[in-house]
């Protein structure tokens, strides 16, 4: 993984490079970024960049009794200068002897004490195929199904053992620990190591949710916040990397809210006619009656969790376009003709405040879907709420 392979995030890339160039590297960094922002690819690219820098060389006392230094810092090498070097290529393949990884894993059989090294081949393949994926994707990739992934006490012991050894060929030993949210109390084993690491040891933690990280670990790390991607950056990436058509790339980029993983998911299911499905939902909500409403809820429950979330996200997108038209006017910004027509119809049946209320309910529903809510019950409840909002009645809240 190289900096040039990462979508957008130019400011973060430059900041990371300057940390090495100006010798301002902390011993423990926390890359904090939401799903699909590119926090993991950035961490991998930075780890590769650090580990392939030249090794400092010792200085001996000169013949005239001058003061001697412990080491001379070698010249800094830019990402471009490192390309082509053998150790750089090994690091890029995640096979460098001084580059270590830790991530959530599962037991392969009952009674096992799993470690990340048990899954290193799967990890390399996973990163090669889908570096913007999340922990759920990884656990499914290794066959977890409904099993809970963990970073275990055994894993923490293995980290301490690996980092206590001298580096083999680099000036640094680097550990990339992905998803420290999966560390339970076992994470306290690492506190001493993170606070007082061996010389030239770098910890790079990559997380999505700051609140789920042990506070004792959080306080020992320098925080680097990774923002979501710009719409234009995702659009360009879909054109260049996923061979999307210009129209599809623009539509998907507008919907995915800066999440490249979500953009790829949307692209995969782009054949779905969400707009027709949405028209069916609104018609059954406002004029169809209970029988059609129940049928729609049953049909939606069969789509599966990812498609349900994409459908709600698309509705959210259209409501956003509708509100923008209401505020800015029809021709104030570019929008696909079919979406413009639909947005204008939404403005006829709902005020801005009603549309904002619907957005809140859609966001809640997406949250519950991620936590395995019953699809049929969720969409039935959401349909009732939609009806009350559009009829300007009191909205029933979820307990």
Protein backbone atom coordinates (compact mmCIF):
# COMPACT_ATOMS: atom_id res chain seq x y z
CA UNK A 1 0.00 0.00 0.00
CA UNK A 2 1.49 3.33 -1.07
CA UNK A 3 0.36 6.91 -0.44
CA UNK A 4 -0.39 7.29 -4.15
CA UNK A 5 -2.87 4.36 -3.92
CA UNK A 6 -5.00 6.12 -1.30
CA UNK A 7 -8.05 8.10 -2.35
CA UNK A 8 -7.86 11.80 -1.43
CA UNK A 9 -6.65 12.73 2.07
CA UNK A 10 -3.86 14.91 0.64
CA UNK A 11 -3.54 17.00 3.80
CA UNK A 12 -3.17 13.93 6.02
CA UNK A 13 -0.59 12.36 3.68
CA UNK A 14 1.50 15.53 3.73
CA UNK A 15 1.28 15.76 7.52
CA UNK A 16 2.47 12.17 7.92
CA UNK A 17 5.40 12.64 5.55
CA UNK A 18 6.45 15.82 7.39
CA UNK A 19 6.48 13.91 10.70
CA UNK A 20 9.32 11.78 9.31
CA UNK A 21 11.01 14.55 7.36
CA UNK A 22 11.13 16.83 10.42
CA UNK A 23 11.86 14.03 12.92
CA UNK A 24 8.60 14.60 14.88
CA UNK A 25 7.39 11.02 15.01
CA UNK A 26 5.59 9.97 18.19
CA UNK A 27 5.99 6.39 19.42
CA UNK A 28 2.21 5.72 19.39
CA UNK A 29 -0.31 7.06 16.87
CA UNK A 30 -4.07 6.57 16.70
CA UNK A 31 -5.60 6.88 13.24
CA UNK A 32 -9.27 7.61 13.95
CA UNK A 33 -11.60 7.47 10.96
CA UNK A 34 -15.08 6.24 10.18
CA UNK A 35 -15.79 3.20 8.07
CA UNK A 36 -14.77 3.82 4.43
CA UNK A 37 -12.65 6.92 5.08
CA UNK A 38 -9.35 5.18 4.32
CA UNK A 39 -7.87 5.14 7.83
CA UNK A 40 -6.51 1.59 7.45
CA UNK A 41 -4.92 2.15 4.00
CA UNK A 42 -3.32 5.34 5.33
CA UNK A 43 -1.91 3.49 8.35
CA UNK A 44 -0.51 0.72 6.15
CA UNK A 45 1.06 3.20 3.73
CA UNK A 46 2.60 5.14 6.61
CA UNK A 47 3.93 1.97 8.28
CA UNK A 48 5.54 0.97 4.99
CA UNK A 49 6.99 4.46 4.56
CA UNK A 50 8.49 4.51 8.09
CA UNK A 51 9.94 1.03 8.05
CA UNK A 52 11.78 1.55 4.78
CA UNK A 53 13.61 4.71 5.79
CA UNK A 54 17.44 4.35 6.02
CA UNK A 55 18.86 3.12 9.32
CA UNK A 56 20.74 5.58 11.51
CA UNK A 57 24.49 4.87 11.76
CA UNK A 58 26.69 5.17 14.89
CA UNK A 59 29.36 7.86 15.14
CA UNK A 60 32.78 7.22 16.63
CA UNK A 61 34.79 9.86 18.49
CA UNK A 62 37.00 11.83 16.13
CA UNK A 63 40.80 11.84 16.37
CA UNK A 64 40.93 15.31 17.93
CA UNK A 65 38.71 14.50 20.90
CA UNK A 66 35.56 16.11 19.53
CA UNK A 67 32.17 15.33 21.07
CA UNK A 68 30.61 12.19 19.64
CA UNK A 69 26.93 11.61 19.04
CA UNK A 70 25.12 8.34 19.56
CA UNK A 71 23.96 8.22 15.95
CA UNK A 72 23.75 10.20 12.77
CA UNK A 73 20.27 10.56 11.30
CA UNK A 74 20.44 9.51 7.64
CA UNK A 75 18.90 11.45 4.83
CA UNK A 76 15.13 11.26 4.65
CA UNK A 77 13.80 9.44 1.56
CA UNK A 78 10.55 10.50 -0.08
CA UNK A 79 7.87 7.96 -1.08
CA UNK A 80 9.01 8.23 -4.70
CA UNK A 81 12.65 7.51 -3.76
CA UNK A 82 11.67 4.40 -1.81
CA UNK A 83 9.82 2.77 -4.71
CA UNK A 84 11.60 -0.15 -6.28
CA UNK A 85 13.71 -0.98 -3.22
CA UNK A 86 13.53 -4.64 -2.19
CA UNK A 87 12.51 -3.98 1.42
CA UNK A 88 9.86 -1.52 0.19
CA UNK A 89 8.35 -4.22 -2.03
CA UNK A 90 8.29 -6.70 0.86
CA UNK A 91 6.58 -4.12 3.07
CA UNK A 92 4.05 -3.42 0.33
CA UNK A 93 3.19 -7.13 0.27
CA UNK A 94 2.89 -7.05 4.10
CA UNK A 95 5.82 -9.47 4.35
CA UNK A 96 8.51 -7.27 5.93
CA UNK A 97 10.11 -8.95 8.99
CA UNK A 98 9.84 -5.78 11.12
CA UNK A 99 6.23 -5.00 10.21
CA UNK A 100 3.68 -6.64 12.53
CA UNK A 101 -0.12 -6.70 12.54
CA UNK A 102 -2.87 -7.27 15.05
CA UNK A 103 -6.60 -7.50 14.26
CA UNK A 104 -9.77 -9.23 15.54
CA UNK A 105 -9.77 -12.99 15.00
CA UNK A 106 -11.84 -16.04 15.93
CA UNK A 107 -10.95 -19.51 17.20
CA UNK A 108 -10.51 -22.03 14.41
CA UNK A 109 -11.69 -24.78 16.72
CA UNK A 110 -13.00 -25.05 20.27
CA UNK A 111 -10.41 -24.40 22.94
CA UNK A 112 -8.03 -22.54 20.62
CA UNK A 113 -6.32 -19.34 21.74
CA UNK A 114 -6.24 -17.51 18.41
CA UNK A 115 -3.60 -15.00 17.37
CA UNK A 116 -3.39 -12.67 14.39
CA UNK A 117 -0.46 -14.63 12.98
CA UNK A 118 -2.82 -17.61 12.53
CA UNK A 119 -4.59 -15.57 9.84
CA UNK A 120 -1.69 -13.70 8.24
CA UNK A 121 -2.23 -15.21 4.76
CA UNK A 122 -5.93 -14.32 4.87
CA UNK A 123 -5.01 -10.83 6.09
CA UNK A 124 -2.67 -10.21 3.16
CA UNK A 125 -5.29 -11.40 0.69
CA UNK A 126 -8.03 -9.32 2.36
CA UNK A 127 -5.96 -6.11 2.22
CA UNK A 128 -5.05 -6.75 -1.40
CA UNK A 129 -8.70 -7.28 -2.39
CA UNK A 130 -10.53 -4.74 -0.23
CA UNK A 131 -8.41 -2.30 1.85
CA UNK A 132 -11.41 0.00 2.44
CA UNK A 133 -13.51 -2.74 4.06
CA UNK A 134 -14.53 -2.79 7.72
CA UNK A 135 -14.26 -5.25 10.61
CA UNK A 136 -17.56 -6.94 9.70
CA UNK A 137 -16.24 -7.66 6.19
CA UNK A 138 -13.00 -9.04 7.63
CA UNK A 139 -14.74 -11.37 10.07
CA UNK A 140 -16.99 -12.69 7.30
CA UNK A 141 -13.91 -13.13 5.10
CA UNK A 142 -12.38 -15.51 7.66
CA UNK A 143 -15.66 -17.37 8.15
CA UNK A 144 -16.75 -15.93 11.48
CA UNK A 145 -20.46 -15.91 10.54
CA UNK A 146 -22.09 -15.15 13.92
CA UNK A 147 -18.94 -15.60 16.02
CA UNK A 148 -17.58 -12.60 17.90
CA UNK A 149 -14.11 -11.47 16.87
CA UNK A 150 -11.60 -10.54 19.57
CA UNK A 151 -8.07 -9.35 20.18
CA UNK A 152 -7.22 -11.81 22.95
CA UNK A 153 -4.87 -11.94 25.93
CA UNK A 154 -2.83 -14.48 23.98
CA UNK A 155 -2.53 -11.95 21.16
CA UNK A 156 -1.33 -9.25 23.59
CA UNK A 157 1.34 -11.62 24.90
CA UNK A 158 2.45 -12.31 21.34
CA UNK A 159 2.68 -8.57 20.60
CA UNK A 160 4.91 -8.06 23.63
CA UNK A 161 7.13 -10.95 22.57
CA UNK A 162 7.49 -9.75 18.97
CA UNK A 163 8.26 -6.15 19.88
CA UNK A 164 10.80 -7.14 22.55
CA UNK A 165 13.03 -8.58 19.81
CA UNK A 166 15.55 -6.50 17.92
CA UNK A 167 14.60 -5.33 14.46
CA UNK A 168 15.95 -7.53 11.68
CA UNK A 169 16.56 -5.13 8.81
CA UNK A 170 14.91 -1.80 9.52
CA UNK A 171 15.60 1.08 11.87
CA UNK A 172 12.08 0.61 13.24
CA UNK A 173 9.77 -2.12 14.42
CA UNK A 174 6.17 -1.19 13.55
CA UNK A 175 2.92 -2.67 14.84
CA UNK A 176 -0.34 -1.83 13.04
CA UNK A 177 -3.17 -2.68 15.46
CA UNK A 178 -6.49 -2.53 13.63
CA UNK A 179 -9.71 -2.06 15.61
CA UNK A 180 -8.48 -1.61 19.23
CA UNK A 181 -12.21 -1.45 20.04
CA UNK A 182 -11.99 -5.27 20.15
CA UNK A 183 -9.49 -5.14 23.02
CA UNK A 184 -11.14 -5.94 26.33
CA UNK A 185 -9.43 -5.69 29.68
CA UNK A 186 -6.64 -7.73 28.09
CA UNK A 187 -5.54 -4.48 26.46
CA UNK A 188 -4.16 -3.34 29.80
CA UNK A 189 -1.32 -5.81 29.21
CA UNK A 190 -0.04 -3.44 26.51
CA UNK A 191 -0.07 -0.26 28.60
CA UNK A 192 3.51 -0.48 29.83
CA UNK A 193 4.76 -1.39 26.37
CA UNK A 194 2.95 1.53 24.70
CA UNK A 195 4.05 4.00 27.36
CA UNK A 196 7.70 2.89 27.44
CA UNK A 197 8.31 1.01 24.19
CA UNK A 198 11.65 -0.46 23.14
CA UNK A 199 13.84 1.91 21.12
CA UNK A 200 12.63 2.70 17.60
CA UNK A 201 9.29 0.97 18.07
CA UNK A 202 6.17 2.50 16.55
CA UNK A 203 2.56 1.65 17.44
CA UNK A 204 -0.08 2.57 14.87
CA UNK A 205 -3.62 1.98 16.13
CA UNK A 206 -6.48 2.25 13.63
CA UNK A 207 -9.97 2.76 15.06
CA UNK A 208 -13.49 3.87 14.12
CA UNK A 209 -15.05 4.65 17.50
CA UNK A 210 -13.00 6.60 20.03
CA UNK A 211 -15.49 5.92 22.83
CA UNK A 212 -14.99 2.15 22.64
CA UNK A 213 -11.22 2.28 23.13
CA UNK A 214 -9.77 1.73 26.60
CA UNK A 215 -9.14 5.25 28.00
CA UNK A 216 -5.76 4.13 29.35
CA UNK A 217 -4.63 3.26 25.80
CA UNK A 218 -6.24 6.33 24.25
CA UNK A 219 -4.35 8.68 26.56
CA UNK A 220 -1.01 7.25 25.42
CA UNK A 221 -1.51 7.90 21.70
CA UNK A 222 -1.16 10.93 19.45
CA UNK A 223 -4.52 11.33 17.71
CA UNK A 224 -4.72 11.71 13.92
CA UNK A 225 -8.29 12.24 12.75
CA UNK A 226 -9.13 10.98 9.26
CA UNK A 227 -12.07 12.87 7.67
CA UNK A 228 -14.59 11.32 5.31
CA UNK A 229 -13.78 11.61 1.63
CA UNK A 230 -15.01 14.40 -0.62
CA UNK A 231 -17.79 13.56 -3.09
CA UNK A 232 -15.58 14.49 -6.04
CA UNK A 233 -12.75 12.24 -4.78
CA UNK A 234 -15.08 9.25 -4.60
CA UNK A 235 -16.54 10.02 -8.02
CA UNK A 236 -13.05 10.11 -9.57
CA UNK A 237 -12.07 6.89 -7.79
CA UNK A 238 -15.15 5.06 -9.07
CA UNK A 239 -14.36 6.18 -12.61
CA UNK A 240 -10.67 5.21 -12.42
CA UNK A 241 -10.80 2.09 -10.23
CA UNK A 242 -14.26 0.57 -10.59
CA UNK A 243 -14.94 1.36 -14.28
CA UNK A 244 -18.21 3.06 -13.39
CA UNK A 245 -19.95 5.20 -16.00
CA UNK A 246 -19.81 8.98 -15.38
CA UNK A 247 -23.53 9.14 -14.55
CA UNK A 248 -23.39 6.19 -12.15
CA UNK A 249 -20.20 7.43 -10.48
CA UNK A 250 -21.74 10.86 -9.88
CA UNK A 251 -24.95 9.39 -8.44
CA UNK A 252 -23.22 6.87 -6.17
CA UNK A 253 -20.69 9.46 -4.92
CA UNK A 254 -23.54 11.81 -4.00
CA UNK A 255 -25.30 9.14 -1.96
CA UNK A 256 -22.46 7.40 -0.09
CA UNK A 257 -21.63 10.33 2.23
CA UNK A 258 -17.86 10.14 1.87
CA UNK A 259 -17.70 6.39 2.52
CA UNK A 260 -15.79 4.58 -0.25
CA UNK A 261 -16.77 1.14 1.04
CA UNK A 262 -20.41 2.15 0.85
CA UNK A 263 -19.81 3.53 -2.66
CA UNK A 264 -18.54 0.14 -3.82
CA UNK A 265 -21.53 -1.58 -2.20
CA UNK A 266 -23.91 0.79 -3.95
CA UNK A 267 -22.13 0.24 -7.25
CA UNK A 268 -22.43 -3.52 -6.82
CA UNK A 269 -26.21 -3.24 -6.44
CA UNK A 270 -26.65 -0.41 -8.91
CA UNK A 271 -29.04 -2.52 -10.96
CA UNK A 272 -31.65 -2.05 -8.22
CA UNK A 273 -34.35 0.45 -9.20
CA UNK A 274 -34.55 2.22 -5.85
CA UNK A 275 -36.64 5.07 -7.24
CA UNK A 276 -39.45 2.76 -8.41
CA UNK A 277 -39.35 0.95 -5.07
CA UNK A 278 -39.54 4.27 -3.27
CA UNK A 279 -42.57 5.36 -5.30
CA UNK A 280 -44.24 2.06 -4.38
CA UNK A 281 -43.51 2.68 -0.70
CA UNK A 282 -44.90 6.21 -0.69
CA UNK A 283 -48.01 5.13 -2.57
CA UNK A 284 -48.68 2.24 -0.19
CA UNK A 285 -48.03 4.53 2.78
CA UNK A 286 -50.39 7.31 1.72
CA UNK A 287 -53.04 5.50 -0.33
CA UNK A 288 -52.46 1.75 -0.25
CA UNK A 289 -53.92 0.83 3.12
CA UNK A 290 -52.76 -1.79 5.63
CA UNK A 291 -52.65 -4.75 3.21
CA UNK A 292 -50.26 -3.07 0.76
CA UNK A 293 -48.20 -1.64 3.61
CA UNK A 294 -47.71 -5.08 5.16
CA UNK A 295 -46.81 -6.59 1.76
CA UNK A 296 -44.20 -3.88 1.17
CA UNK A 297 -42.67 -4.54 4.61
CA UNK A 298 -42.52 -8.27 3.85
CA UNK A 299 -40.83 -7.63 0.49
CA UNK A 300 -38.27 -5.31 2.06
CA UNK A 301 -37.44 -7.86 4.76
CA UNK A 302 -36.37 -10.28 2.04
CA UNK A 303 -33.80 -7.92 0.52
CA UNK A 304 -31.17 -8.38 3.20
CA UNK A 305 -29.47 -5.91 5.49
CA UNK A 306 -27.09 -4.25 3.01
CA UNK A 307 -29.77 -3.56 0.41
CA UNK A 308 -32.16 -2.26 3.07
CA UNK A 309 -29.53 0.25 4.21
CA UNK A 310 -28.81 1.30 0.64
CA UNK A 311 -32.50 1.85 -0.03
CA UNK A 312 -32.85 4.08 3.04
CA UNK A 313 -29.65 5.92 2.13
CA UNK A 314 -31.02 6.60 -1.37
CA UNK A 315 -34.26 7.97 0.08
CA UNK A 316 -32.20 10.21 2.36
CA UNK A 317 -30.26 11.43 -0.65
CA UNK A 318 -33.43 12.31 -2.56
CA UNK A 319 -34.88 14.17 0.41
CA UNK A 320 -31.63 16.14 0.62
CA UNK A 321 -31.96 17.07 -3.05
CA UNK A 322 -35.59 18.02 -2.47
CA UNK A 323 -34.69 20.37 0.38
CA UNK A 324 -31.88 21.95 -1.66
CA UNK A 325 -34.32 22.64 -4.52
CA UNK A 326 -36.76 24.18 -2.05
CA UNK A 327 -34.09 26.47 -0.61
CA UNK A 328 -31.86 27.20 -3.62
CA UNK A 329 -34.22 26.79 -6.57
CA UNK A 330 -34.51 24.35 -9.48
CA UNK A 331 -31.41 25.34 -11.40
CA UNK A 332 -28.99 26.23 -8.61
CA UNK A 333 -27.03 22.95 -8.83
CA UNK A 334 -26.56 19.91 -11.06
CA UNK A 335 -28.95 17.01 -10.54
CA UNK A 336 -30.09 14.07 -12.68
CA UNK A 337 -33.41 14.77 -14.41
CA UNK A 338 -35.19 11.75 -12.92
CA UNK A 339 -34.05 12.72 -9.41
CA UNK A 340 -35.07 16.32 -9.99
CA UNK A 341 -38.57 15.25 -11.01
CA UNK A 342 -38.89 13.02 -7.95
CA UNK A 343 -37.57 15.73 -5.63
CA UNK A 344 -40.12 18.22 -6.96
CA UNK A 345 -42.91 15.73 -6.22
CA UNK A 346 -41.61 15.27 -2.68
CA UNK A 347 -41.80 19.03 -2.18
CA UNK A 348 -45.48 18.92 -3.14
CA UNK A 349 -46.39 16.36 -0.48
CA UNK A 350 -44.05 17.39 2.36
CA UNK A 351 -42.69 20.60 3.84
CA UNK A 352 -39.02 21.02 4.74
CA UNK A 353 -39.76 20.31 8.42
CA UNK A 354 -41.66 17.14 7.50
CA UNK A 355 -38.80 16.00 5.27
CA UNK A 356 -36.31 16.64 8.06
CA UNK A 357 -38.46 14.52 10.39
CA UNK A 358 -38.41 11.69 7.83
CA UNK A 359 -34.60 11.92 7.57
CA UNK A 360 -34.36 11.45 11.34
CA UNK A 361 -36.52 8.32 11.16
CA UNK A 362 -34.52 6.93 8.23
CA UNK A 363 -31.28 7.42 10.15
CA UNK A 364 -32.73 5.62 13.18
CA UNK A 365 -33.91 2.77 10.97
CA UNK A 366 -30.43 2.38 9.41
CA UNK A 367 -28.95 2.25 12.91
CA UNK A 368 -31.36 -0.54 13.92
CA UNK A 369 -30.71 -2.49 10.70
CA UNK A 370 -26.99 -2.53 11.48
CA UNK A 371 -27.90 -4.12 14.81
CA UNK A 372 -29.94 -6.89 13.18
CA UNK A 373 -33.43 -5.52 13.75
CA UNK A 374 -36.28 -7.59 12.31
CA UNK A 375 -36.73 -6.17 8.79
CA UNK A 376 -40.46 -6.73 8.54
CA UNK A 377 -41.25 -5.14 11.90
CA UNK A 378 -38.86 -2.25 11.26
CA UNK A 379 -40.33 -1.28 7.89
CA UNK A 380 -43.87 -1.68 9.19
CA UNK A 381 -43.13 0.71 12.07
CA UNK A 382 -41.31 3.09 9.72
CA UNK A 383 -44.27 3.11 7.34
CA UNK A 384 -46.63 4.09 10.17
CA UNK A 385 -44.30 6.89 11.23
CA UNK A 386 -44.03 8.11 7.65
CA UNK A 387 -47.81 8.22 7.37
CA UNK A 388 -48.14 10.30 10.54
CA UNK A 389 -45.37 12.69 9.49
CA UNK A 390 -46.83 13.25 6.02
CA UNK A 391 -50.32 13.69 7.46
CA UNK A 392 -48.84 16.23 9.89
CA UNK A 393 -49.89 14.20 12.92
CA UNK A 394 -47.99 13.27 16.07
CA UNK A 395 -45.11 10.89 15.34
CA UNK A 396 -45.06 7.70 17.41
CA UNK A 397 -41.57 7.27 18.91
CA UNK A 398 -39.73 3.98 19.17
CA UNK A 399 -39.21 2.62 22.64
